[in-house]
N, C-alpha and C. Protein backbone atom coordinates (compact mmCIF):
# COMPACT_ATOMS: atom_id res chain seq x y z
N MET A 1 -61.13 51.49 22.39
CA MET A 1 -60.44 50.22 22.50
C MET A 1 -61.20 49.13 21.74
N ARG A 2 -62.51 49.18 21.89
CA ARG A 2 -63.34 48.19 21.21
C ARG A 2 -63.22 48.34 19.69
N PHE A 3 -63.15 49.60 19.25
CA PHE A 3 -63.00 49.86 17.81
C PHE A 3 -61.67 49.30 17.29
N LEU A 4 -60.62 49.43 18.08
CA LEU A 4 -59.31 48.92 17.69
C LEU A 4 -59.33 47.40 17.56
N ILE A 5 -59.95 46.73 18.49
CA ILE A 5 -60.03 45.26 18.44
C ILE A 5 -60.83 44.82 17.22
N LEU A 6 -61.95 45.47 16.96
CA LEU A 6 -62.76 45.13 15.79
C LEU A 6 -62.00 45.39 14.49
N THR A 7 -61.24 46.45 14.44
CA THR A 7 -60.44 46.77 13.24
C THR A 7 -59.38 45.70 13.01
N VAL A 8 -58.68 45.28 14.06
CA VAL A 8 -57.64 44.25 13.94
C VAL A 8 -58.26 42.93 13.50
N VAL A 9 -59.39 42.55 14.07
CA VAL A 9 -60.06 41.31 13.69
C VAL A 9 -60.51 41.37 12.24
N ALA A 10 -61.04 42.51 11.82
CA ALA A 10 -61.50 42.66 10.43
C ALA A 10 -60.33 42.57 9.46
N LEU A 11 -59.23 43.22 9.77
CA LEU A 11 -58.06 43.17 8.89
C LEU A 11 -57.48 41.75 8.83
N ALA A 12 -57.40 41.09 9.96
CA ALA A 12 -56.87 39.72 9.99
C ALA A 12 -57.77 38.78 9.20
N SER A 13 -59.07 38.94 9.36
CA SER A 13 -60.02 38.09 8.62
C SER A 13 -59.92 38.33 7.13
N SER A 14 -59.81 39.58 6.72
CA SER A 14 -59.71 39.85 5.28
C SER A 14 -58.39 39.32 4.72
N ALA A 15 -57.32 39.39 5.50
CA ALA A 15 -56.04 38.85 5.04
C ALA A 15 -56.12 37.34 4.86
N LEU A 16 -56.80 36.66 5.78
CA LEU A 16 -56.93 35.21 5.66
C LEU A 16 -57.86 34.82 4.52
N LEU A 17 -58.91 35.58 4.32
CA LEU A 17 -59.89 35.23 3.29
C LEU A 17 -59.39 35.49 1.87
N THR A 18 -58.33 36.30 1.71
CA THR A 18 -57.82 36.53 0.35
C THR A 18 -57.23 35.26 -0.24
N GLY A 19 -56.83 34.32 0.59
CA GLY A 19 -56.28 33.06 0.09
C GLY A 19 -57.34 32.02 -0.20
N CYS A 20 -58.59 32.30 0.08
CA CYS A 20 -59.67 31.33 -0.13
C CYS A 20 -60.38 31.58 -1.46
N GLY A 21 -61.03 30.56 -1.95
CA GLY A 21 -61.91 30.70 -3.10
C GLY A 21 -61.21 30.77 -4.44
N ALA A 22 -59.97 30.34 -4.52
CA ALA A 22 -59.26 30.38 -5.79
C ALA A 22 -59.70 29.23 -6.69
N THR A 23 -59.56 29.44 -7.98
CA THR A 23 -59.85 28.39 -8.95
C THR A 23 -58.53 27.91 -9.53
N PRO A 24 -58.50 26.74 -10.18
CA PRO A 24 -57.23 26.27 -10.77
C PRO A 24 -56.66 27.24 -11.80
N GLN A 25 -57.51 28.01 -12.45
CA GLN A 25 -57.02 28.96 -13.44
C GLN A 25 -56.44 30.22 -12.79
N GLN A 26 -56.87 30.52 -11.58
CA GLN A 26 -56.40 31.71 -10.88
C GLN A 26 -56.06 31.33 -9.44
N PRO A 27 -54.79 30.98 -9.17
CA PRO A 27 -54.43 30.55 -7.82
C PRO A 27 -54.57 31.67 -6.80
N ALA A 28 -54.72 31.28 -5.55
CA ALA A 28 -54.87 32.25 -4.47
C ALA A 28 -53.53 32.88 -4.14
N TYR A 29 -53.57 33.93 -3.34
CA TYR A 29 -52.35 34.58 -2.89
C TYR A 29 -51.68 33.70 -1.85
N GLU A 30 -50.35 33.69 -1.89
CA GLU A 30 -49.60 32.93 -0.89
C GLU A 30 -48.91 33.90 0.03
N TYR A 31 -49.06 33.66 1.31
CA TYR A 31 -48.38 34.49 2.29
C TYR A 31 -47.23 33.68 2.86
N MET A 32 -46.02 34.15 2.72
CA MET A 32 -44.80 33.49 3.18
C MET A 32 -44.69 32.05 2.66
N PRO A 33 -44.42 31.87 1.38
CA PRO A 33 -44.33 30.51 0.83
C PRO A 33 -43.10 29.74 1.27
N ASP A 34 -42.16 30.39 1.97
CA ASP A 34 -40.96 29.72 2.49
C ASP A 34 -40.19 28.96 1.41
N MET A 35 -40.09 29.52 0.24
CA MET A 35 -39.33 28.96 -0.87
C MET A 35 -39.81 27.56 -1.26
N ALA A 36 -41.08 27.27 -1.04
CA ALA A 36 -41.61 25.96 -1.40
C ALA A 36 -41.62 25.77 -2.91
N LYS A 37 -41.68 26.85 -3.64
CA LYS A 37 -41.69 26.76 -5.10
C LYS A 37 -40.53 27.57 -5.67
N SER A 38 -39.32 27.21 -5.29
CA SER A 38 -38.17 27.94 -5.80
C SER A 38 -37.90 27.51 -7.23
N PRO A 39 -37.41 28.44 -8.06
CA PRO A 39 -37.17 28.08 -9.46
C PRO A 39 -36.01 27.09 -9.56
N ALA A 40 -36.20 26.04 -10.30
CA ALA A 40 -35.15 25.04 -10.50
C ALA A 40 -34.58 25.22 -11.90
N TYR A 41 -33.28 25.18 -12.01
CA TYR A 41 -32.62 25.31 -13.29
C TYR A 41 -32.24 23.94 -13.80
N LYS A 42 -32.29 23.75 -15.10
CA LYS A 42 -31.78 22.53 -15.72
C LYS A 42 -30.25 22.60 -15.68
N ALA A 43 -29.59 21.47 -15.49
CA ALA A 43 -28.14 21.45 -15.31
C ALA A 43 -27.39 22.06 -16.49
N PHE A 44 -27.82 21.82 -17.71
CA PHE A 44 -27.08 22.30 -18.88
C PHE A 44 -27.72 23.52 -19.53
N ALA A 45 -28.67 24.15 -18.84
CA ALA A 45 -29.32 25.35 -19.37
C ALA A 45 -28.42 26.56 -19.14
N PRO A 46 -28.49 27.55 -20.03
CA PRO A 46 -27.72 28.77 -19.79
C PRO A 46 -28.24 29.49 -18.55
N ASN A 47 -27.34 30.22 -17.91
CA ASN A 47 -27.71 30.94 -16.69
C ASN A 47 -27.05 32.31 -16.73
N ARG A 48 -27.84 33.36 -16.72
CA ARG A 48 -27.29 34.71 -16.84
C ARG A 48 -26.69 35.21 -15.53
N ILE A 49 -26.89 34.49 -14.45
CA ILE A 49 -26.39 34.94 -13.15
C ILE A 49 -24.93 34.55 -12.94
N THR A 50 -24.51 33.40 -13.43
CA THR A 50 -23.15 32.92 -13.18
C THR A 50 -22.16 33.57 -14.14
N ARG A 51 -20.88 33.59 -13.73
CA ARG A 51 -19.84 34.23 -14.54
C ARG A 51 -19.66 33.60 -15.91
N ASP A 52 -19.65 32.25 -15.95
CA ASP A 52 -19.42 31.58 -17.23
C ASP A 52 -20.70 31.32 -18.01
N GLY A 53 -21.83 31.72 -17.46
CA GLY A 53 -23.10 31.57 -18.18
C GLY A 53 -23.69 30.18 -18.15
N LEU A 54 -23.12 29.28 -17.34
CA LEU A 54 -23.61 27.91 -17.25
C LEU A 54 -24.23 27.66 -15.88
N THR A 55 -25.28 26.86 -15.85
CA THR A 55 -25.90 26.52 -14.57
C THR A 55 -25.04 25.51 -13.82
N LEU A 56 -24.60 24.46 -14.51
CA LEU A 56 -23.77 23.43 -13.89
C LEU A 56 -22.36 23.98 -13.69
N GLN A 57 -21.91 24.04 -12.47
CA GLN A 57 -20.61 24.62 -12.16
C GLN A 57 -19.59 23.53 -11.88
N ARG A 58 -18.35 23.80 -12.26
CA ARG A 58 -17.26 22.86 -11.97
C ARG A 58 -16.95 22.90 -10.47
N PRO A 59 -16.57 21.75 -9.89
CA PRO A 59 -16.20 21.79 -8.47
C PRO A 59 -14.90 22.55 -8.28
N VAL A 60 -14.69 23.03 -7.09
CA VAL A 60 -13.47 23.75 -6.75
C VAL A 60 -12.29 22.79 -6.90
N ALA A 61 -11.18 23.28 -7.41
CA ALA A 61 -10.00 22.44 -7.62
C ALA A 61 -9.57 21.79 -6.30
N GLY A 62 -9.27 20.49 -6.37
CA GLY A 62 -8.80 19.76 -5.21
C GLY A 62 -9.89 19.12 -4.37
N THR A 63 -11.15 19.34 -4.72
CA THR A 63 -12.23 18.73 -3.96
C THR A 63 -12.58 17.37 -4.54
N ILE A 64 -13.14 16.52 -3.71
CA ILE A 64 -13.59 15.21 -4.17
C ILE A 64 -15.04 15.03 -3.78
N PRO A 65 -15.80 14.25 -4.54
CA PRO A 65 -17.21 14.04 -4.19
C PRO A 65 -17.35 13.31 -2.85
N ARG A 66 -18.44 13.58 -2.17
CA ARG A 66 -18.72 12.92 -0.89
C ARG A 66 -18.84 11.42 -1.11
N GLY A 67 -18.18 10.65 -0.27
CA GLY A 67 -18.25 9.20 -0.35
C GLY A 67 -17.29 8.60 -1.36
N TYR A 68 -16.56 9.42 -2.11
CA TYR A 68 -15.64 8.91 -3.12
C TYR A 68 -14.34 8.47 -2.47
N ARG A 69 -13.88 7.30 -2.86
CA ARG A 69 -12.58 6.81 -2.41
C ARG A 69 -11.74 6.55 -3.65
N PRO A 70 -10.62 7.22 -3.78
CA PRO A 70 -9.81 6.98 -4.98
C PRO A 70 -9.28 5.55 -5.00
N PHE A 71 -9.19 4.99 -6.20
CA PHE A 71 -8.65 3.65 -6.39
C PHE A 71 -7.36 3.82 -7.19
N HIS A 72 -6.24 3.56 -6.57
CA HIS A 72 -4.94 3.89 -7.15
C HIS A 72 -4.36 2.78 -8.02
N TYR A 73 -5.20 2.08 -8.71
CA TYR A 73 -4.75 0.99 -9.58
C TYR A 73 -5.44 1.14 -10.93
N GLU A 74 -4.71 0.86 -11.98
CA GLU A 74 -5.26 0.90 -13.33
C GLU A 74 -5.72 -0.51 -13.70
N ALA A 75 -6.33 -0.63 -14.87
CA ALA A 75 -6.71 -1.95 -15.39
C ALA A 75 -5.46 -2.67 -15.89
N GLY A 76 -5.51 -3.97 -15.93
CA GLY A 76 -4.40 -4.75 -16.46
C GLY A 76 -3.85 -5.75 -15.47
N GLU A 77 -3.13 -6.72 -16.01
CA GLU A 77 -2.61 -7.84 -15.22
C GLU A 77 -1.60 -7.39 -14.17
N GLN A 78 -0.66 -6.52 -14.55
CA GLN A 78 0.36 -6.07 -13.59
C GLN A 78 -0.27 -5.31 -12.43
N GLU A 79 -1.24 -4.48 -12.74
CA GLU A 79 -1.92 -3.73 -11.69
C GLU A 79 -2.75 -4.66 -10.80
N ALA A 80 -3.32 -5.70 -11.39
CA ALA A 80 -4.09 -6.67 -10.60
C ALA A 80 -3.18 -7.40 -9.62
N VAL A 81 -1.99 -7.77 -10.07
CA VAL A 81 -1.02 -8.44 -9.19
C VAL A 81 -0.59 -7.49 -8.07
N ARG A 82 -0.34 -6.24 -8.43
CA ARG A 82 0.05 -5.24 -7.43
C ARG A 82 -1.07 -5.03 -6.41
N ALA A 83 -2.32 -4.95 -6.88
CA ALA A 83 -3.45 -4.80 -5.96
C ALA A 83 -3.56 -6.01 -5.04
N GLY A 84 -3.30 -7.20 -5.57
CA GLY A 84 -3.33 -8.40 -4.75
C GLY A 84 -2.28 -8.37 -3.65
N ARG A 85 -1.13 -7.78 -3.96
CA ARG A 85 -0.06 -7.67 -2.97
C ARG A 85 -0.36 -6.60 -1.92
N GLU A 86 -0.93 -5.48 -2.37
CA GLU A 86 -1.03 -4.30 -1.50
C GLU A 86 -2.36 -4.15 -0.77
N LEU A 87 -3.44 -4.66 -1.33
CA LEU A 87 -4.76 -4.46 -0.72
C LEU A 87 -5.09 -5.60 0.24
N GLY A 88 -5.52 -5.23 1.41
CA GLY A 88 -5.97 -6.22 2.38
C GLY A 88 -7.47 -6.10 2.59
N ASN A 89 -8.11 -7.21 2.82
CA ASN A 89 -9.56 -7.22 3.02
C ASN A 89 -9.89 -6.62 4.38
N PRO A 90 -10.69 -5.54 4.42
CA PRO A 90 -11.03 -4.94 5.71
C PRO A 90 -12.10 -5.71 6.48
N TYR A 91 -12.70 -6.72 5.86
CA TYR A 91 -13.79 -7.46 6.50
C TYR A 91 -13.32 -8.82 7.00
N HIS A 92 -13.78 -9.17 8.18
CA HIS A 92 -13.59 -10.52 8.70
C HIS A 92 -14.82 -11.33 8.30
N PRO A 93 -14.68 -12.63 8.12
CA PRO A 93 -15.82 -13.45 7.67
C PRO A 93 -16.82 -13.73 8.80
N THR A 94 -17.51 -12.71 9.23
CA THR A 94 -18.57 -12.89 10.23
C THR A 94 -19.81 -13.42 9.52
N PRO A 95 -20.73 -14.04 10.24
CA PRO A 95 -21.95 -14.52 9.59
C PRO A 95 -22.71 -13.41 8.85
N GLN A 96 -22.75 -12.22 9.42
CA GLN A 96 -23.46 -11.12 8.76
C GLN A 96 -22.76 -10.71 7.46
N THR A 97 -21.44 -10.59 7.48
CA THR A 97 -20.69 -10.21 6.28
C THR A 97 -20.85 -11.27 5.20
N LEU A 98 -20.77 -12.54 5.58
CA LEU A 98 -20.92 -13.62 4.59
C LEU A 98 -22.32 -13.65 4.01
N GLU A 99 -23.33 -13.39 4.83
CA GLU A 99 -24.71 -13.37 4.32
C GLU A 99 -24.91 -12.21 3.35
N GLU A 100 -24.40 -11.04 3.71
CA GLU A 100 -24.51 -9.89 2.81
C GLU A 100 -23.72 -10.14 1.53
N GLY A 101 -22.53 -10.72 1.65
CA GLY A 101 -21.73 -11.05 0.47
C GLY A 101 -22.42 -12.06 -0.42
N LYS A 102 -23.09 -13.03 0.19
CA LYS A 102 -23.82 -14.04 -0.59
C LYS A 102 -24.96 -13.40 -1.37
N VAL A 103 -25.72 -12.51 -0.72
CA VAL A 103 -26.83 -11.84 -1.41
C VAL A 103 -26.30 -11.01 -2.58
N LEU A 104 -25.21 -10.29 -2.36
CA LEU A 104 -24.62 -9.48 -3.44
C LEU A 104 -24.08 -10.37 -4.55
N PHE A 105 -23.43 -11.48 -4.19
CA PHE A 105 -22.91 -12.42 -5.19
C PHE A 105 -24.05 -12.97 -6.04
N GLU A 106 -25.13 -13.37 -5.38
CA GLU A 106 -26.26 -13.94 -6.12
C GLU A 106 -26.95 -12.89 -7.00
N THR A 107 -26.85 -11.63 -6.63
CA THR A 107 -27.46 -10.56 -7.42
C THR A 107 -26.60 -10.20 -8.63
N TYR A 108 -25.30 -10.05 -8.44
CA TYR A 108 -24.44 -9.50 -9.49
C TYR A 108 -23.55 -10.53 -10.18
N CYS A 109 -23.16 -11.58 -9.50
CA CYS A 109 -22.12 -12.47 -10.02
C CYS A 109 -22.64 -13.82 -10.50
N MET A 110 -23.69 -14.32 -9.86
CA MET A 110 -24.15 -15.68 -10.11
C MET A 110 -24.58 -15.92 -11.55
N VAL A 111 -25.09 -14.89 -12.22
CA VAL A 111 -25.59 -15.07 -13.58
C VAL A 111 -24.48 -15.59 -14.51
N CYS A 112 -23.24 -15.21 -14.26
CA CYS A 112 -22.12 -15.71 -15.06
C CYS A 112 -21.35 -16.81 -14.34
N HIS A 113 -21.03 -16.58 -13.06
CA HIS A 113 -20.15 -17.50 -12.33
C HIS A 113 -20.87 -18.71 -11.76
N GLY A 114 -22.20 -18.70 -11.69
CA GLY A 114 -22.94 -19.84 -11.15
C GLY A 114 -23.03 -19.80 -9.64
N GLN A 115 -23.94 -20.58 -9.10
CA GLN A 115 -24.22 -20.59 -7.66
C GLN A 115 -22.99 -20.97 -6.83
N GLN A 116 -22.21 -21.94 -7.30
CA GLN A 116 -21.04 -22.40 -6.56
C GLN A 116 -19.74 -21.78 -7.06
N GLY A 117 -19.83 -20.82 -8.00
CA GLY A 117 -18.63 -20.18 -8.52
C GLY A 117 -17.85 -21.02 -9.50
N LEU A 118 -18.52 -21.98 -10.16
CA LEU A 118 -17.84 -22.89 -11.07
C LEU A 118 -17.78 -22.37 -12.50
N GLY A 119 -18.31 -21.18 -12.75
CA GLY A 119 -18.32 -20.64 -14.11
C GLY A 119 -19.44 -21.22 -14.96
N ASP A 120 -20.48 -21.74 -14.32
CA ASP A 120 -21.57 -22.40 -15.05
C ASP A 120 -22.90 -21.68 -14.84
N GLY A 121 -22.87 -20.35 -14.82
CA GLY A 121 -24.10 -19.58 -14.61
C GLY A 121 -25.07 -19.73 -15.76
N PRO A 122 -26.28 -19.20 -15.60
CA PRO A 122 -27.32 -19.35 -16.62
C PRO A 122 -26.94 -18.85 -18.01
N ILE A 123 -26.07 -17.85 -18.10
CA ILE A 123 -25.70 -17.35 -19.43
C ILE A 123 -24.35 -17.87 -19.89
N ALA A 124 -23.77 -18.82 -19.17
CA ALA A 124 -22.43 -19.32 -19.51
C ALA A 124 -22.39 -19.96 -20.89
N GLY A 125 -23.47 -20.56 -21.36
CA GLY A 125 -23.47 -21.18 -22.68
C GLY A 125 -23.53 -20.17 -23.82
N LYS A 126 -23.94 -18.95 -23.52
CA LYS A 126 -24.09 -17.92 -24.55
C LYS A 126 -22.85 -17.04 -24.69
N ILE A 127 -21.98 -17.09 -23.72
CA ILE A 127 -20.74 -16.31 -23.74
C ILE A 127 -19.59 -17.24 -23.41
N PRO A 128 -18.35 -16.81 -23.66
CA PRO A 128 -17.24 -17.64 -23.19
C PRO A 128 -17.33 -17.78 -21.67
N PRO A 129 -17.26 -18.99 -21.16
CA PRO A 129 -17.49 -19.19 -19.72
C PRO A 129 -16.42 -18.49 -18.88
N PRO A 130 -16.83 -17.89 -17.77
CA PRO A 130 -15.85 -17.28 -16.87
C PRO A 130 -15.08 -18.37 -16.13
N PRO A 131 -13.92 -18.04 -15.59
CA PRO A 131 -13.16 -19.06 -14.87
C PRO A 131 -13.86 -19.48 -13.58
N SER A 132 -13.60 -20.70 -13.17
CA SER A 132 -14.15 -21.22 -11.92
C SER A 132 -13.34 -20.66 -10.75
N TYR A 133 -14.03 -20.31 -9.68
CA TYR A 133 -13.34 -19.80 -8.49
C TYR A 133 -12.49 -20.87 -7.82
N ILE A 134 -12.79 -22.14 -8.10
CA ILE A 134 -11.99 -23.19 -7.46
C ILE A 134 -10.94 -23.76 -8.40
N SER A 135 -10.68 -23.07 -9.51
CA SER A 135 -9.58 -23.50 -10.39
C SER A 135 -8.26 -23.21 -9.68
N ASP A 136 -7.22 -23.95 -10.08
CA ASP A 136 -5.91 -23.76 -9.45
C ASP A 136 -5.44 -22.31 -9.55
N ARG A 137 -5.68 -21.70 -10.69
CA ARG A 137 -5.23 -20.32 -10.91
C ARG A 137 -5.93 -19.35 -9.96
N LEU A 138 -7.26 -19.41 -9.88
CA LEU A 138 -7.99 -18.46 -9.05
C LEU A 138 -7.85 -18.75 -7.56
N MET A 139 -7.55 -19.97 -7.20
CA MET A 139 -7.33 -20.28 -5.78
C MET A 139 -6.08 -19.56 -5.26
N GLN A 140 -5.17 -19.19 -6.17
CA GLN A 140 -3.94 -18.50 -5.77
C GLN A 140 -4.15 -16.99 -5.62
N PHE A 141 -5.29 -16.47 -6.09
CA PHE A 141 -5.52 -15.03 -6.05
C PHE A 141 -5.76 -14.56 -4.62
N PRO A 142 -5.00 -13.57 -4.16
CA PRO A 142 -5.30 -12.99 -2.85
C PRO A 142 -6.57 -12.13 -2.94
N PRO A 143 -7.18 -11.81 -1.82
CA PRO A 143 -8.42 -11.02 -1.84
C PRO A 143 -8.30 -9.71 -2.61
N GLY A 144 -7.17 -9.02 -2.50
CA GLY A 144 -7.00 -7.75 -3.21
C GLY A 144 -7.08 -7.89 -4.71
N ARG A 145 -6.65 -9.02 -5.23
CA ARG A 145 -6.71 -9.24 -6.67
C ARG A 145 -8.15 -9.49 -7.13
N ILE A 146 -8.91 -10.21 -6.34
CA ILE A 146 -10.33 -10.41 -6.67
C ILE A 146 -11.06 -9.07 -6.60
N PHE A 147 -10.73 -8.26 -5.59
CA PHE A 147 -11.32 -6.92 -5.48
C PHE A 147 -10.99 -6.09 -6.72
N HIS A 148 -9.75 -6.17 -7.18
CA HIS A 148 -9.34 -5.45 -8.39
C HIS A 148 -10.15 -5.91 -9.60
N ALA A 149 -10.38 -7.21 -9.72
CA ALA A 149 -11.15 -7.74 -10.85
C ALA A 149 -12.58 -7.22 -10.83
N ILE A 150 -13.19 -7.15 -9.65
CA ILE A 150 -14.56 -6.63 -9.56
C ILE A 150 -14.58 -5.13 -9.86
N THR A 151 -13.56 -4.42 -9.39
CA THR A 151 -13.52 -2.97 -9.55
C THR A 151 -13.18 -2.55 -10.98
N MET A 152 -12.17 -3.16 -11.58
CA MET A 152 -11.69 -2.73 -12.90
C MET A 152 -12.16 -3.63 -14.04
N GLY A 153 -12.69 -4.80 -13.71
CA GLY A 153 -13.04 -5.76 -14.74
C GLY A 153 -11.84 -6.64 -15.06
N ALA A 154 -12.10 -7.78 -15.65
CA ALA A 154 -11.03 -8.71 -16.00
C ALA A 154 -11.51 -9.59 -17.14
N GLY A 155 -10.71 -9.71 -18.18
CA GLY A 155 -11.12 -10.51 -19.34
C GLY A 155 -12.40 -9.96 -19.95
N LYS A 156 -13.40 -10.81 -20.08
CA LYS A 156 -14.70 -10.38 -20.63
C LYS A 156 -15.60 -9.73 -19.58
N MET A 157 -15.21 -9.82 -18.32
CA MET A 157 -16.03 -9.27 -17.23
C MET A 157 -15.86 -7.76 -17.17
N PRO A 158 -16.98 -7.02 -17.16
CA PRO A 158 -16.87 -5.56 -17.04
C PRO A 158 -16.63 -5.14 -15.59
N SER A 159 -16.31 -3.88 -15.42
CA SER A 159 -16.16 -3.31 -14.09
C SER A 159 -17.52 -3.22 -13.41
N TYR A 160 -17.54 -3.52 -12.13
CA TYR A 160 -18.77 -3.36 -11.34
C TYR A 160 -18.63 -2.22 -10.33
N ALA A 161 -17.66 -1.34 -10.54
CA ALA A 161 -17.43 -0.23 -9.60
C ALA A 161 -18.60 0.73 -9.55
N SER A 162 -19.31 0.89 -10.66
CA SER A 162 -20.44 1.83 -10.65
C SER A 162 -21.70 1.19 -10.05
N GLN A 163 -21.77 -0.12 -10.02
CA GLN A 163 -22.95 -0.79 -9.46
C GLN A 163 -22.78 -1.11 -7.97
N LEU A 164 -21.56 -1.33 -7.54
CA LEU A 164 -21.30 -1.78 -6.17
C LEU A 164 -20.36 -0.81 -5.46
N SER A 165 -20.68 -0.47 -4.24
CA SER A 165 -19.77 0.35 -3.44
C SER A 165 -18.53 -0.48 -3.10
N ALA A 166 -17.48 0.19 -2.66
CA ALA A 166 -16.26 -0.54 -2.28
C ALA A 166 -16.55 -1.53 -1.15
N ASP A 167 -17.39 -1.14 -0.21
CA ASP A 167 -17.74 -2.05 0.89
C ASP A 167 -18.47 -3.29 0.37
N ASP A 168 -19.39 -3.09 -0.57
CA ASP A 168 -20.11 -4.24 -1.13
C ASP A 168 -19.17 -5.15 -1.91
N ARG A 169 -18.20 -4.57 -2.62
CA ARG A 169 -17.23 -5.40 -3.36
C ARG A 169 -16.39 -6.23 -2.39
N TRP A 170 -15.99 -5.63 -1.27
CA TRP A 170 -15.22 -6.39 -0.28
C TRP A 170 -16.06 -7.49 0.35
N LYS A 171 -17.34 -7.27 0.53
CA LYS A 171 -18.21 -8.32 1.08
C LYS A 171 -18.31 -9.49 0.11
N ILE A 172 -18.37 -9.20 -1.19
CA ILE A 172 -18.37 -10.28 -2.19
C ILE A 172 -17.05 -11.03 -2.14
N VAL A 173 -15.94 -10.29 -2.05
CA VAL A 173 -14.62 -10.93 -1.96
C VAL A 173 -14.56 -11.84 -0.73
N THR A 174 -15.06 -11.37 0.39
CA THR A 174 -15.06 -12.17 1.62
C THR A 174 -15.88 -13.44 1.43
N TYR A 175 -17.05 -13.30 0.81
CA TYR A 175 -17.90 -14.47 0.56
C TYR A 175 -17.21 -15.46 -0.38
N VAL A 176 -16.65 -14.98 -1.49
CA VAL A 176 -15.99 -15.86 -2.45
C VAL A 176 -14.80 -16.54 -1.80
N HIS A 177 -13.98 -15.77 -1.12
CA HIS A 177 -12.75 -16.30 -0.53
C HIS A 177 -13.04 -17.32 0.57
N THR A 178 -14.05 -17.07 1.38
CA THR A 178 -14.34 -17.94 2.53
C THR A 178 -15.29 -19.08 2.17
N SER A 179 -16.43 -18.75 1.57
CA SER A 179 -17.47 -19.76 1.35
C SER A 179 -17.26 -20.57 0.09
N LEU A 180 -16.91 -19.93 -1.01
CA LEU A 180 -16.79 -20.67 -2.27
C LEU A 180 -15.43 -21.33 -2.42
N GLN A 181 -14.37 -20.62 -2.01
CA GLN A 181 -13.04 -21.19 -2.16
C GLN A 181 -12.58 -21.94 -0.91
N GLY A 182 -13.26 -21.72 0.21
CA GLY A 182 -12.87 -22.41 1.44
C GLY A 182 -11.57 -21.91 2.02
N LEU A 183 -11.17 -20.70 1.65
CA LEU A 183 -9.94 -20.12 2.17
C LEU A 183 -10.29 -19.14 3.28
N GLY A 184 -9.32 -18.72 4.04
CA GLY A 184 -9.57 -17.73 5.09
C GLY A 184 -10.25 -18.36 6.29
N ASP A 185 -10.50 -17.52 7.26
CA ASP A 185 -11.14 -17.98 8.50
C ASP A 185 -12.62 -18.21 8.27
N GLN A 186 -13.14 -19.26 8.83
CA GLN A 186 -14.58 -19.51 8.79
C GLN A 186 -15.22 -18.67 9.90
N PRO A 187 -16.53 -18.40 9.81
CA PRO A 187 -17.18 -17.61 10.85
C PRO A 187 -16.97 -18.24 12.22
N GLY A 188 -16.67 -17.39 13.18
CA GLY A 188 -16.45 -17.88 14.54
C GLY A 188 -15.01 -18.29 14.77
N GLY A 189 -14.19 -18.30 13.72
CA GLY A 189 -12.78 -18.65 13.86
C GLY A 189 -11.99 -17.45 14.33
N LYS A 190 -10.67 -17.54 14.26
CA LYS A 190 -9.85 -16.42 14.71
C LYS A 190 -10.03 -15.23 13.77
N GLN A 191 -9.90 -14.04 14.33
CA GLN A 191 -10.10 -12.84 13.52
C GLN A 191 -8.92 -11.94 13.63
């Protein structure tokens, strides 16, 4: 019995010691690496394992990416008017929503539209000035139309759909509509 215990201890010790004393030029043995160093393929590299020989695979037909929400409007004036008619703002002007909308507005919009939305941002002299949010024309825009402009772009303004999530765009719309234009319910008002 004693011999068996000594044999087991000796074998266990030798197994543990095989992983010690390695140099950078000769790494030690790994026991159960748990796929810590799995081979990674480059997306556009050829792959002999797949049927079509490509590493990057097409998604299954009919699937959509996680978090993706389709936007059923095209660019253009008619589509903007339709979006204004059909899209409703999912956010109420709560203090938190307005604060988040203000931060997003100051990050993405203020450089052109200015702090008060007057179209007098820091780069307004270098480009054709954007319209003022308090102009008669823009005061008539429903929230859905402003959302469409942020999503698809309008005039010289590019689309911000890739920079801002749909929720962030709606928060900007809520901030513009309530704080800059003075339309809609103020915080604490009816919801």
